[in-house]
Every structure is written in structure tokens, then in C-alpha cells.
């Protein structure tokens, strides 16, 4: 913003960014967060690892003492800034988990930085939907046709999956879509419903609150924070009740088969190999 005599003018200029590639190694002793903290790796890397390996690794049960994460990531900062650099994205990683190996490398597939993660042999790791809208949570109740309701005390369907987590834990949209509803619904308390493509919708209930800007008509991207774990409505403790619906019918989000990303074509595979 600049003053020109009696006038004030505003304009937007691109900020010059300095990019740096960083390598890190973390060995699991107790948890992924503790390991990366001990290794001096930014906390944001743990969240990215969880997203990349969503559905492949249970970070509460699968990790063992001695498991090792090797990661190459990019950080950016404003040129000449004294602020700490910000994590951009993981560029490549190898995670040895419970005698298994998980690999990922970022590969640009289009313009404007578009891309996704692939295994080292070229298999896409991108999922149409995240299985875990709450990172590092535990499943306290699964999808069931007959479950004893903890408050009503009679058997009824449980049309979703409950993820137990502390109040205030971030809830993420499991896929790209448009918010159909954000407000209160009787037993569900604070609720967000999102409409996705191909007749799919998702519901997030018992939220403590909504993320800024989330309301009916808001377009959200996969992994974007839409609210926070709470215990509103008919709830006995802080958790997320998550439903996955196909053409209006609820299905088990942990069992449904998701469509895979488009495979690399011949030209992309040549670039990928290089």
C-alpha cells in the first residue's frame, strides 16, 4: 500500500520465495510425533506422512520401536525473512514399519504444481477419499447393523464410524466437494455434510465447532480442515461420528473400495523413471 499525494493505492506483487530441500531420519521410540520432534523434523511432516499412508498404516497399532522414517522435504521462506521456513511438501520418503516398507515420491503431472504421490515403481498412492478424517485417532465404534446405543440403551443401526480424539482435534474433509449443510441436527449436534462427485456424500457429527468460512456452498478440498472434534448432541465423550453415503445409502467407509487414480501414461512414466 503506497501513498501518492492525497491518494492511497494498493497492488498485489508476488513474493520471492527461497526454497530449500531438507533430509531427515527419525527412529520410532514411542510415537511418530515424538520421533520427528527428537530428530528436529517439523511437526507438519507427520501430518503429511499420515495423509500419504492413509489406509495403509494404522499409526496407533502398527508402529514398533525401531521403525525408521527417512524423508526428503521442501521448505520455503520469504527472501531475506527472519521467520522460520514453512514446510511445503514431502518430496520423497521411505518408512520401514513393522517389517514392511512404504515408499512415496512426489511427481508433477500437470501445470501449476499439480501432482501426486507414487510408489517407487510408479503406482499411484492418491486416494479418492481419506479413510481417517481425524489424524492419529482411534476407532471407538465401527459400522454396524446392530449396536447398543450408549445413551438410548437399545439396539439400533450405527451408520458410521466413530473416531475418538481429544476435544479440538482437527477434522478434515475426506474428499473434494461442496458443503451441503453446516449447523445443528438434533442427536448429531454440530454437523457438516459434504456433497462429492458420483453420488457420494460424507457427514461429520458431534463437532465442537466449525472451521472459519465453512458454511453451505463452501467448496472444500481433500484434507482441508472443516471443524474440530467435540461432544455435541447425543454423545458420551469427544469423538467424530463419520458417515460415508453412496446415493444416500450409508456404507462402511473403512471397507468401501475406492477408485484408483489414473495410471501414468507412456510419456509420464518416462519422466517418472528419470
C-alpha atoms as a PDB file:
ATOM      1  CA  UNK A   1       0.000   0.000   0.000  1.00  0.00           C
ATOM      2  CA  UNK A   2       1.520   3.322  -1.046  1.00  0.00           C
ATOM      3  CA  UNK A   3       0.549   6.976  -0.731  1.00  0.00           C
ATOM      4  CA  UNK A   4       0.623   9.195  -3.796  1.00  0.00           C
ATOM      5  CA  UNK A   5      -0.148  12.728  -2.651  1.00  0.00           C
ATOM      6  CA  UNK A   6      -3.727  12.618  -1.380  1.00  0.00           C
ATOM      7  CA  UNK A   7      -4.338   9.157  -2.790  1.00  0.00           C
ATOM      8  CA  UNK A   8      -3.568   5.726  -1.428  1.00  0.00           C
ATOM      9  CA  UNK A   9      -3.015   2.898  -3.891  1.00  0.00           C
ATOM     10  CA  UNK A  10      -2.908  -0.858  -3.259  1.00  0.00           C
ATOM     11  CA  UNK A  11      -1.484  -3.524  -5.515  1.00  0.00           C
ATOM     12  CA  UNK A  12      -0.508  -7.152  -5.285  1.00  0.00           C
ATOM     13  CA  UNK A  13       3.009  -8.340  -6.032  1.00  0.00           C
ATOM     14  CA  UNK A  14       4.288 -11.924  -5.966  1.00  0.00           C
ATOM     15  CA  UNK A  15       6.599 -12.610  -3.035  1.00  0.00           C
ATOM     16  CA  UNK A  16      10.013 -14.018  -3.891  1.00  0.00           C
ATOM     17  CA  UNK A  17      10.445 -17.328  -2.076  1.00  0.00           C
ATOM     18  CA  UNK A  18      13.615 -19.162  -1.216  1.00  0.00           C
ATOM     19  CA  UNK A  19      13.277 -22.949  -1.489  1.00  0.00           C
ATOM     20  CA  UNK A  20      15.440 -25.488   0.268  1.00  0.00           C
ATOM     21  CA  UNK A  21      15.473 -29.282   0.208  1.00  0.00           C
ATOM     22  CA  UNK A  22      15.983 -30.907   3.621  1.00  0.00           C
ATOM     23  CA  UNK A  23      16.644 -34.519   4.556  1.00  0.00           C
ATOM     24  CA  UNK A  24      15.780 -36.144   7.865  1.00  0.00           C
ATOM     25  CA  UNK A  25      15.784 -39.516   9.605  1.00  0.00           C
ATOM     26  CA  UNK A  26      13.544 -40.373  12.574  1.00  0.00           C
ATOM     27  CA  UNK A  27      13.506 -43.597  14.578  1.00  0.00           C
ATOM     28  CA  UNK A  28      10.329 -44.591  16.396  1.00  0.00           C
ATOM     29  CA  UNK A  29      10.609 -44.958  20.165  1.00  0.00           C
ATOM     30  CA  UNK A  30       7.049 -44.190  21.256  1.00  0.00           C
ATOM     31  CA  UNK A  31       5.133 -42.318  18.526  1.00  0.00           C
ATOM     32  CA  UNK A  32       5.656 -40.683  15.139  1.00  0.00           C
ATOM     33  CA  UNK A  33       5.289 -37.176  16.605  1.00  0.00           C
ATOM     34  CA  UNK A  34       7.860 -37.885  19.331  1.00  0.00           C
ATOM     35  CA  UNK A  35      10.268 -39.372  16.779  1.00  0.00           C
ATOM     36  CA  UNK A  36      10.187 -36.458  14.342  1.00  0.00           C
ATOM     37  CA  UNK A  37      10.427 -33.981  17.218  1.00  0.00           C
ATOM     38  CA  UNK A  38      13.547 -35.729  18.533  1.00  0.00           C
ATOM     39  CA  UNK A  39      15.018 -35.682  15.004  1.00  0.00           C
ATOM     40  CA  UNK A  40      14.353 -31.942  14.571  1.00  0.00           C
ATOM     41  CA  UNK A  41      11.882 -32.513  11.738  1.00  0.00           C
ATOM     42  CA  UNK A  42       8.881 -30.112  11.536  1.00  0.00           C
ATOM     43  CA  UNK A  43       5.612 -31.419  13.026  1.00  0.00           C
ATOM     44  CA  UNK A  44       3.804 -30.762   9.735  1.00  0.00           C
ATOM     45  CA  UNK A  45       5.731 -33.661   8.202  1.00  0.00           C
ATOM     46  CA  UNK A  46       3.902 -36.136  10.474  1.00  0.00           C
ATOM     47  CA  UNK A  47       0.542 -34.946   9.155  1.00  0.00           C
ATOM     48  CA  UNK A  48       1.708 -35.326   5.553  1.00  0.00           C
ATOM     49  CA  UNK A  49       3.031 -38.826   6.236  1.00  0.00           C
ATOM     50  CA  UNK A  50      -0.354 -39.755   7.743  1.00  0.00           C
ATOM     51  CA  UNK A  51      -2.182 -38.481   4.656  1.00  0.00           C
ATOM     52  CA  UNK A  52       0.116 -40.224   2.181  1.00  0.00           C
ATOM     53  CA  UNK A  53      -0.168 -43.564   4.005  1.00  0.00           C
ATOM     54  CA  UNK A  54      -3.837 -43.172   4.970  1.00  0.00           C
ATOM     55  CA  UNK A  55      -5.459 -46.609   4.989  1.00  0.00           C
ATOM     56  CA  UNK A  56      -2.097 -48.387   4.678  1.00  0.00           C
ATOM     57  CA  UNK A  57      -0.662 -47.760   8.161  1.00  0.00           C
ATOM     58  CA  UNK A  58      -2.518 -47.633  11.481  1.00  0.00           C
ATOM     59  CA  UNK A  59      -0.369 -45.151  13.386  1.00  0.00           C
ATOM     60  CA  UNK A  60      -1.815 -46.266  16.725  1.00  0.00           C
ATOM     61  CA  UNK A  61      -1.245 -50.009  16.295  1.00  0.00           C
ATOM     62  CA  UNK A  62       1.279 -50.720  13.544  1.00  0.00           C
ATOM     63  CA  UNK A  63       4.298 -48.712  14.726  1.00  0.00           C
ATOM     64  CA  UNK A  64       7.034 -50.602  16.575  1.00  0.00           C
ATOM     65  CA  UNK A  65      10.110 -49.429  18.432  1.00  0.00           C
ATOM     66  CA  UNK A  66      12.930 -49.198  15.915  1.00  0.00           C
ATOM     67  CA  UNK A  67      10.739 -48.431  12.866  1.00  0.00           C
ATOM     68  CA  UNK A  68      12.515 -45.802  10.754  1.00  0.00           C
ATOM     69  CA  UNK A  69      11.297 -42.877   8.652  1.00  0.00           C
ATOM     70  CA  UNK A  70      13.646 -41.399   6.036  1.00  0.00           C
ATOM     71  CA  UNK A  71      12.218 -38.295   4.423  1.00  0.00           C
ATOM     72  CA  UNK A  72      13.206 -35.607   1.914  1.00  0.00           C
ATOM     73  CA  UNK A  73      11.052 -32.491   2.067  1.00  0.00           C
ATOM     74  CA  UNK A  74      10.918 -28.936   0.763  1.00  0.00           C
ATOM     75  CA  UNK A  75      10.742 -25.801   2.909  1.00  0.00           C
ATOM     76  CA  UNK A  76      10.095 -22.248   1.720  1.00  0.00           C
ATOM     77  CA  UNK A  77      10.580 -18.821   3.249  1.00  0.00           C
ATOM     78  CA  UNK A  78      10.215 -15.253   2.068  1.00  0.00           C
ATOM     79  CA  UNK A  79      13.506 -13.948   0.728  1.00  0.00           C
ATOM     80  CA  UNK A  80      15.516 -12.128   3.432  1.00  0.00           C
ATOM     81  CA  UNK A  81      12.907 -13.014   6.074  1.00  0.00           C
ATOM     82  CA  UNK A  82      13.909 -13.786   9.656  1.00  0.00           C
ATOM     83  CA  UNK A  83      10.864 -16.055  10.095  1.00  0.00           C
ATOM     84  CA  UNK A  84      11.357 -19.801  10.305  1.00  0.00           C
ATOM     85  CA  UNK A  85      10.845 -21.621   6.979  1.00  0.00           C
ATOM     86  CA  UNK A  86       7.485 -23.259   6.269  1.00  0.00           C
ATOM     87  CA  UNK A  87       7.145 -26.866   5.142  1.00  0.00           C
ATOM     88  CA  UNK A  88       5.935 -27.057   1.547  1.00  0.00           C
ATOM     89  CA  UNK A  89       5.639 -30.788   0.859  1.00  0.00           C
ATOM     90  CA  UNK A  90       7.335 -34.120   1.222  1.00  0.00           C
ATOM     91  CA  UNK A  91       9.336 -34.869  -1.923  1.00  0.00           C
ATOM     92  CA  UNK A  92      10.180 -38.493  -1.132  1.00  0.00           C
ATOM     93  CA  UNK A  93      10.083 -40.841   1.821  1.00  0.00           C
ATOM     94  CA  UNK A  94      10.795 -44.388   2.920  1.00  0.00           C
ATOM     95  CA  UNK A  95       9.064 -45.657   6.066  1.00  0.00           C
ATOM     96  CA  UNK A  96      10.015 -49.044   7.482  1.00  0.00           C
ATOM     97  CA  UNK A  97       7.007 -50.079   9.583  1.00  0.00           C
ATOM     98  CA  UNK A  98       6.738 -53.393  11.417  1.00  0.00           C
ATOM     99  CA  UNK A  99       8.999 -55.184   8.910  1.00  0.00           C
ATOM    100  CA  UNK A 100       7.158 -53.652   5.963  1.00  0.00           C
ATOM    101  CA  UNK A 101       8.411 -50.919   3.606  1.00  0.00           C
ATOM    102  CA  UNK A 102       6.324 -47.949   2.477  1.00  0.00           C
ATOM    103  CA  UNK A 103       7.733 -45.663  -0.212  1.00  0.00           C
ATOM    104  CA  UNK A 104       6.469 -42.461  -1.811  1.00  0.00           C
ATOM    105  CA  UNK A 105       7.775 -39.830  -4.201  1.00  0.00           C
ATOM    106  CA  UNK A 106       6.064 -36.630  -5.370  1.00  0.00           C
ATOM    107  CA  UNK A 107       5.615 -36.426  -9.135  1.00  0.00           C
ATOM    108  CA  UNK A 108       4.225 -33.420 -11.009  1.00  0.00           C
ATOM    109  CA  UNK A 109       1.573 -34.403 -13.536  1.00  0.00           C
ATOM    110  CA  UNK A 110       0.356 -31.047 -14.792  1.00  0.00           C
ATOM    111  CA  UNK A 111       0.627 -27.291 -14.734  1.00  0.00           C
ATOM    112  CA  UNK A 112       0.654 -25.031 -11.639  1.00  0.00           C
ATOM    113  CA  UNK A 113       2.369 -27.534  -9.400  1.00  0.00           C
ATOM    114  CA  UNK A 114      -0.279 -30.245  -9.756  1.00  0.00           C
ATOM    115  CA  UNK A 115       0.885 -33.716  -8.899  1.00  0.00           C
ATOM    116  CA  UNK A 116       0.510 -36.662  -6.566  1.00  0.00           C
ATOM    117  CA  UNK A 117       2.464 -39.336  -4.736  1.00  0.00           C
ATOM    118  CA  UNK A 118       3.603 -42.603  -6.292  1.00  0.00           C
ATOM    119  CA  UNK A 119       5.423 -45.652  -5.016  1.00  0.00           C
ATOM    120  CA  UNK A 120       8.931 -46.025  -6.404  1.00  0.00           C
ATOM    121  CA  UNK A 121       7.647 -48.468  -9.028  1.00  0.00           C
ATOM    122  CA  UNK A 122       5.094 -45.937 -10.359  1.00  0.00           C
ATOM    123  CA  UNK A 123       1.897 -46.994  -8.557  1.00  0.00           C
ATOM    124  CA  UNK A 124      -0.297 -44.043  -7.622  1.00  0.00           C
ATOM    125  CA  UNK A 125      -0.886 -43.588  -3.872  1.00  0.00           C
ATOM    126  CA  UNK A 126      -3.620 -40.990  -4.294  1.00  0.00           C
ATOM    127  CA  UNK A 127      -6.970 -41.997  -2.830  1.00  0.00           C
ATOM    128  CA  UNK A 128     -10.313 -40.547  -3.809  1.00  0.00           C
ATOM    129  CA  UNK A 129     -11.205 -40.308  -0.099  1.00  0.00           C
ATOM    130  CA  UNK A 130      -9.279 -40.348   3.149  1.00  0.00           C
ATOM    131  CA  UNK A 131     -10.300 -43.215   5.409  1.00  0.00           C
ATOM    132  CA  UNK A 132      -9.371 -41.247   8.529  1.00  0.00           C
ATOM    133  CA  UNK A 133     -10.776 -37.686   8.654  1.00  0.00           C
ATOM    134  CA  UNK A 134      -9.109 -37.297  12.077  1.00  0.00           C
ATOM    135  CA  UNK A 135      -5.344 -37.866  12.208  1.00  0.00           C
ATOM    136  CA  UNK A 136      -3.851 -40.264  14.751  1.00  0.00           C
ATOM    137  CA  UNK A 137      -7.232 -41.081  16.281  1.00  0.00           C
ATOM    138  CA  UNK A 138      -8.555 -44.462  17.372  1.00  0.00           C
ATOM    139  CA  UNK A 139     -11.780 -46.126  16.261  1.00  0.00           C
ATOM    140  CA  UNK A 140     -14.100 -46.329  19.256  1.00  0.00           C
ATOM    141  CA  UNK A 141     -17.100 -47.764  17.385  1.00  0.00           C
ATOM    142  CA  UNK A 142     -17.356 -49.276  13.914  1.00  0.00           C
ATOM    143  CA  UNK A 143     -20.049 -49.504  11.266  1.00  0.00           C
ATOM    144  CA  UNK A 144     -22.771 -51.915  12.410  1.00  0.00           C
ATOM    145  CA  UNK A 145     -26.322 -53.004  11.636  1.00  0.00           C
ATOM    146  CA  UNK A 146     -26.984 -53.637  15.336  1.00  0.00           C
ATOM    147  CA  UNK A 147     -25.218 -51.720  18.102  1.00  0.00           C
ATOM    148  CA  UNK A 148     -26.315 -50.938  21.661  1.00  0.00           C
ATOM    149  CA  UNK A 149     -26.702 -47.152  21.698  1.00  0.00           C
ATOM    150  CA  UNK A 150     -24.690 -45.744  24.652  1.00  0.00           C
ATOM    151  CA  UNK A 151     -27.385 -43.185  25.561  1.00  0.00           C
ATOM    152  CA  UNK A 152     -30.698 -44.604  24.317  1.00  0.00           C
ATOM    153  CA  UNK A 153     -29.825 -48.092  25.703  1.00  0.00           C
ATOM    154  CA  UNK A 154     -31.394 -50.129  22.924  1.00  0.00           C
ATOM    155  CA  UNK A 155     -30.031 -51.826  19.824  1.00  0.00           C
ATOM    156  CA  UNK A 156     -30.058 -49.826  16.584  1.00  0.00           C
ATOM    157  CA  UNK A 157     -28.000 -49.337  13.454  1.00  0.00           C
ATOM    158  CA  UNK A 158     -24.722 -47.463  13.660  1.00  0.00           C
ATOM    159  CA  UNK A 159     -24.457 -45.955  10.199  1.00  0.00           C
ATOM    160  CA  UNK A 160     -20.912 -44.661  10.508  1.00  0.00           C
ATOM    161  CA  UNK A 161     -17.562 -44.959  12.245  1.00  0.00           C
ATOM    162  CA  UNK A 162     -16.624 -43.157  15.468  1.00  0.00           C
ATOM    163  CA  UNK A 163     -13.102 -41.754  15.833  1.00  0.00           C
ATOM    164  CA  UNK A 164     -12.185 -40.921  19.427  1.00  0.00           C
ATOM    165  CA  UNK A 165      -9.866 -37.924  19.818  1.00  0.00           C
ATOM    166  CA  UNK A 166      -9.346 -35.008  22.236  1.00  0.00           C
ATOM    167  CA  UNK A 167     -11.694 -32.033  22.018  1.00  0.00           C
ATOM    168  CA  UNK A 168     -10.398 -29.528  19.482  1.00  0.00           C
ATOM    169  CA  UNK A 169      -8.605 -32.071  17.275  1.00  0.00           C
ATOM    170  CA  UNK A 170      -8.850 -31.001  13.632  1.00  0.00           C
ATOM    171  CA  UNK A 171     -11.403 -32.721  11.375  1.00  0.00           C
ATOM    172  CA  UNK A 172     -10.575 -32.828   7.671  1.00  0.00           C
ATOM    173  CA  UNK A 173     -12.751 -33.265   4.628  1.00  0.00           C
ATOM    174  CA  UNK A 174     -12.145 -36.789   3.355  1.00  0.00           C
ATOM    175  CA  UNK A 175     -12.522 -35.687  -0.280  1.00  0.00           C
ATOM    176  CA  UNK A 176     -13.057 -32.753  -2.634  1.00  0.00           C
ATOM    177  CA  UNK A 177     -16.617 -31.461  -2.532  1.00  0.00           C
ATOM    178  CA  UNK A 178     -19.154 -28.760  -1.636  1.00  0.00           C
ATOM    179  CA  UNK A 179     -20.622 -28.201   1.844  1.00  0.00           C
ATOM    180  CA  UNK A 180     -24.345 -29.023   1.729  1.00  0.00           C
ATOM    181  CA  UNK A 181     -25.062 -28.242   5.386  1.00  0.00           C
ATOM    182  CA  UNK A 182     -23.198 -26.791   8.360  1.00  0.00           C
ATOM    183  CA  UNK A 183     -25.235 -26.378  11.543  1.00  0.00           C
ATOM    184  CA  UNK A 184     -27.038 -28.301  14.264  1.00  0.00           C
ATOM    185  CA  UNK A 185     -29.042 -31.504  13.869  1.00  0.00           C
ATOM    186  CA  UNK A 186     -30.782 -32.972  16.918  1.00  0.00           C
ATOM    187  CA  UNK A 187     -28.785 -36.007  18.135  1.00  0.00           C
ATOM    188  CA  UNK A 188     -25.808 -35.239  15.858  1.00  0.00           C
ATOM    189  CA  UNK A 189     -25.080 -31.860  17.457  1.00  0.00           C
ATOM    190  CA  UNK A 190     -22.882 -29.708  15.226  1.00  0.00           C
ATOM    191  CA  UNK A 191     -22.794 -31.315  11.787  1.00  0.00           C
ATOM    192  CA  UNK A 192     -21.152 -30.760   8.405  1.00  0.00           C
ATOM    193  CA  UNK A 193     -22.433 -32.594   5.317  1.00  0.00           C
ATOM    194  CA  UNK A 194     -20.376 -32.536   2.110  1.00  0.00           C
ATOM    195  CA  UNK A 195     -21.528 -33.484  -1.391  1.00  0.00           C
ATOM    196  CA  UNK A 196     -18.911 -35.159  -3.572  1.00  0.00           C
ATOM    197  CA  UNK A 197     -18.990 -36.429  -7.152  1.00  0.00           C
ATOM    198  CA  UNK A 198     -20.654 -39.619  -8.367  1.00  0.00           C
ATOM    199  CA  UNK A 199     -23.480 -39.588  -5.811  1.00  0.00           C
ATOM    200  CA  UNK A 200     -21.168 -39.745  -2.791  1.00  0.00           C
ATOM    201  CA  UNK A 201     -21.660 -37.651   0.350  1.00  0.00           C
ATOM    202  CA  UNK A 202     -19.994 -37.586   3.769  1.00  0.00           C
ATOM    203  CA  UNK A 203     -21.237 -36.465   7.185  1.00  0.00           C
ATOM    204  CA  UNK A 204     -19.221 -35.281  10.210  1.00  0.00           C
ATOM    205  CA  UNK A 205     -21.086 -35.079  13.546  1.00  0.00           C
ATOM    206  CA  UNK A 206     -20.704 -34.076  17.234  1.00  0.00           C
ATOM    207  CA  UNK A 207     -18.257 -31.323  16.267  1.00  0.00           C
ATOM    208  CA  UNK A 208     -17.091 -28.799  18.839  1.00  0.00           C
ATOM    209  CA  UNK A 209     -17.133 -26.065  16.207  1.00  0.00           C
ATOM    210  CA  UNK A 210     -16.684 -25.274  12.531  1.00  0.00           C
ATOM    211  CA  UNK A 211     -13.583 -24.013  10.763  1.00  0.00           C
ATOM    212  CA  UNK A 212     -13.684 -20.384   9.626  1.00  0.00           C
ATOM    213  CA  UNK A 213     -15.518 -19.940   6.339  1.00  0.00           C
ATOM    214  CA  UNK A 214     -17.246 -23.334   6.392  1.00  0.00           C
ATOM    215  CA  UNK A 215     -20.932 -22.897   5.528  1.00  0.00           C
ATOM    216  CA  UNK A 216     -23.447 -24.112   2.975  1.00  0.00           C
ATOM    217  CA  UNK A 217     -21.999 -23.691  -0.521  1.00  0.00           C
ATOM    218  CA  UNK A 218     -18.342 -23.655   0.560  1.00  0.00           C
ATOM    219  CA  UNK A 219     -16.077 -25.645  -1.760  1.00  0.00           C
ATOM    220  CA  UNK A 220     -13.541 -27.755   0.163  1.00  0.00           C
ATOM    221  CA  UNK A 221     -10.530 -29.798  -0.878  1.00  0.00           C
ATOM    222  CA  UNK A 222      -9.442 -33.198   0.371  1.00  0.00           C
ATOM    223  CA  UNK A 223      -7.615 -32.802   3.674  1.00  0.00           C
ATOM    224  CA  UNK A 224      -8.936 -29.272   4.323  1.00  0.00           C
ATOM    225  CA  UNK A 225      -9.896 -28.598   7.947  1.00  0.00           C
ATOM    226  CA  UNK A 226     -13.683 -28.213   8.276  1.00  0.00           C
ATOM    227  CA  UNK A 227     -14.107 -28.306  12.054  1.00  0.00           C
ATOM    228  CA  UNK A 228     -12.967 -29.684  15.378  1.00  0.00           C
ATOM    229  CA  UNK A 229     -13.725 -32.761  17.461  1.00  0.00           C
ATOM    230  CA  UNK A 230     -16.303 -32.251  20.203  1.00  0.00           C
ATOM    231  CA  UNK A 231     -19.119 -33.940  22.088  1.00  0.00           C
ATOM    232  CA  UNK A 232     -22.230 -32.057  20.989  1.00  0.00           C
ATOM    233  CA  UNK A 233     -25.609 -33.761  20.563  1.00  0.00           C
ATOM    234  CA  UNK A 234     -26.161 -37.287  21.894  1.00  0.00           C
ATOM    235  CA  UNK A 235     -22.591 -38.107  22.806  1.00  0.00           C
ATOM    236  CA  UNK A 236     -20.814 -39.604  25.818  1.00  0.00           C
ATOM    237  CA  UNK A 237     -17.365 -38.153  25.061  1.00  0.00           C
ATOM    238  CA  UNK A 238     -15.310 -36.272  22.457  1.00  0.00           C
ATOM    239  CA  UNK A 239     -15.256 -38.062  19.109  1.00  0.00           C
ATOM    240  CA  UNK A 240     -16.121 -37.688  15.434  1.00  0.00           C
ATOM    241  CA  UNK A 241     -19.058 -39.665  14.043  1.00  0.00           C
ATOM    242  CA  UNK A 242     -18.262 -40.080  10.331  1.00  0.00           C
ATOM    243  CA  UNK A 243     -20.675 -41.364   7.680  1.00  0.00           C
ATOM    244  CA  UNK A 244     -19.994 -42.269   4.048  1.00  0.00           C
ATOM    245  CA  UNK A 245     -23.035 -42.458   1.769  1.00  0.00           C
ATOM    246  CA  UNK A 246     -23.450 -43.653  -1.819  1.00  0.00           C
ATOM    247  CA  UNK A 247     -26.648 -42.387  -3.454  1.00  0.00           C
ATOM    248  CA  UNK A 248     -27.992 -41.704   0.021  1.00  0.00           C
ATOM    249  CA  UNK A 249     -27.279 -45.180   1.419  1.00  0.00           C
ATOM    250  CA  UNK A 250     -24.712 -45.435   4.258  1.00  0.00           C
ATOM    251  CA  UNK A 251     -21.782 -47.807   3.681  1.00  0.00           C
ATOM    252  CA  UNK A 252     -18.771 -48.723   5.800  1.00  0.00           C
ATOM    253  CA  UNK A 253     -16.097 -46.088   4.959  1.00  0.00           C
ATOM    254  CA  UNK A 254     -13.338 -48.478   6.048  1.00  0.00           C
ATOM    255  CA  UNK A 255     -14.474 -51.246   3.704  1.00  0.00           C
ATOM    256  CA  UNK A 256     -15.694 -49.462   0.562  1.00  0.00           C
ATOM    257  CA  UNK A 257     -13.434 -49.905  -2.479  1.00  0.00           C
ATOM    258  CA  UNK A 258     -12.228 -46.521  -3.714  1.00  0.00           C
ATOM    259  CA  UNK A 259     -11.438 -45.825  -7.387  1.00  0.00           C
ATOM    260  CA  UNK A 260      -7.738 -45.557  -8.159  1.00  0.00           C
ATOM    261  CA  UNK A 261      -6.051 -42.561  -9.744  1.00  0.00           C
ATOM    262  CA  UNK A 262      -5.301 -42.649 -13.475  1.00  0.00           C
ATOM    263  CA  UNK A 263      -2.078 -44.598 -14.149  1.00  0.00           C
ATOM    264  CA  UNK A 264       0.960 -42.942 -15.705  1.00  0.00           C
ATOM    265  CA  UNK A 265       0.892 -42.806 -19.486  1.00  0.00           C
ATOM    266  CA  UNK A 266       3.984 -43.666 -21.550  1.00  0.00           C
ATOM    267  CA  UNK A 267       5.400 -40.117 -21.570  1.00  0.00           C
ATOM    268  CA  UNK A 268       4.766 -39.619 -17.834  1.00  0.00           C
ATOM    269  CA  UNK A 269       6.339 -42.968 -16.981  1.00  0.00           C
ATOM    270  CA  UNK A 270       9.483 -42.000 -18.890  1.00  0.00           C
ATOM    271  CA  UNK A 271       9.718 -38.725 -16.935  1.00  0.00           C
ATOM    272  CA  UNK A 272       8.956 -40.536 -13.699  1.00  0.00           C
ATOM    273  CA  UNK A 273      11.714 -43.080 -14.272  1.00  0.00           C
ATOM    274  CA  UNK A 274      14.184 -40.264 -14.960  1.00  0.00           C
END
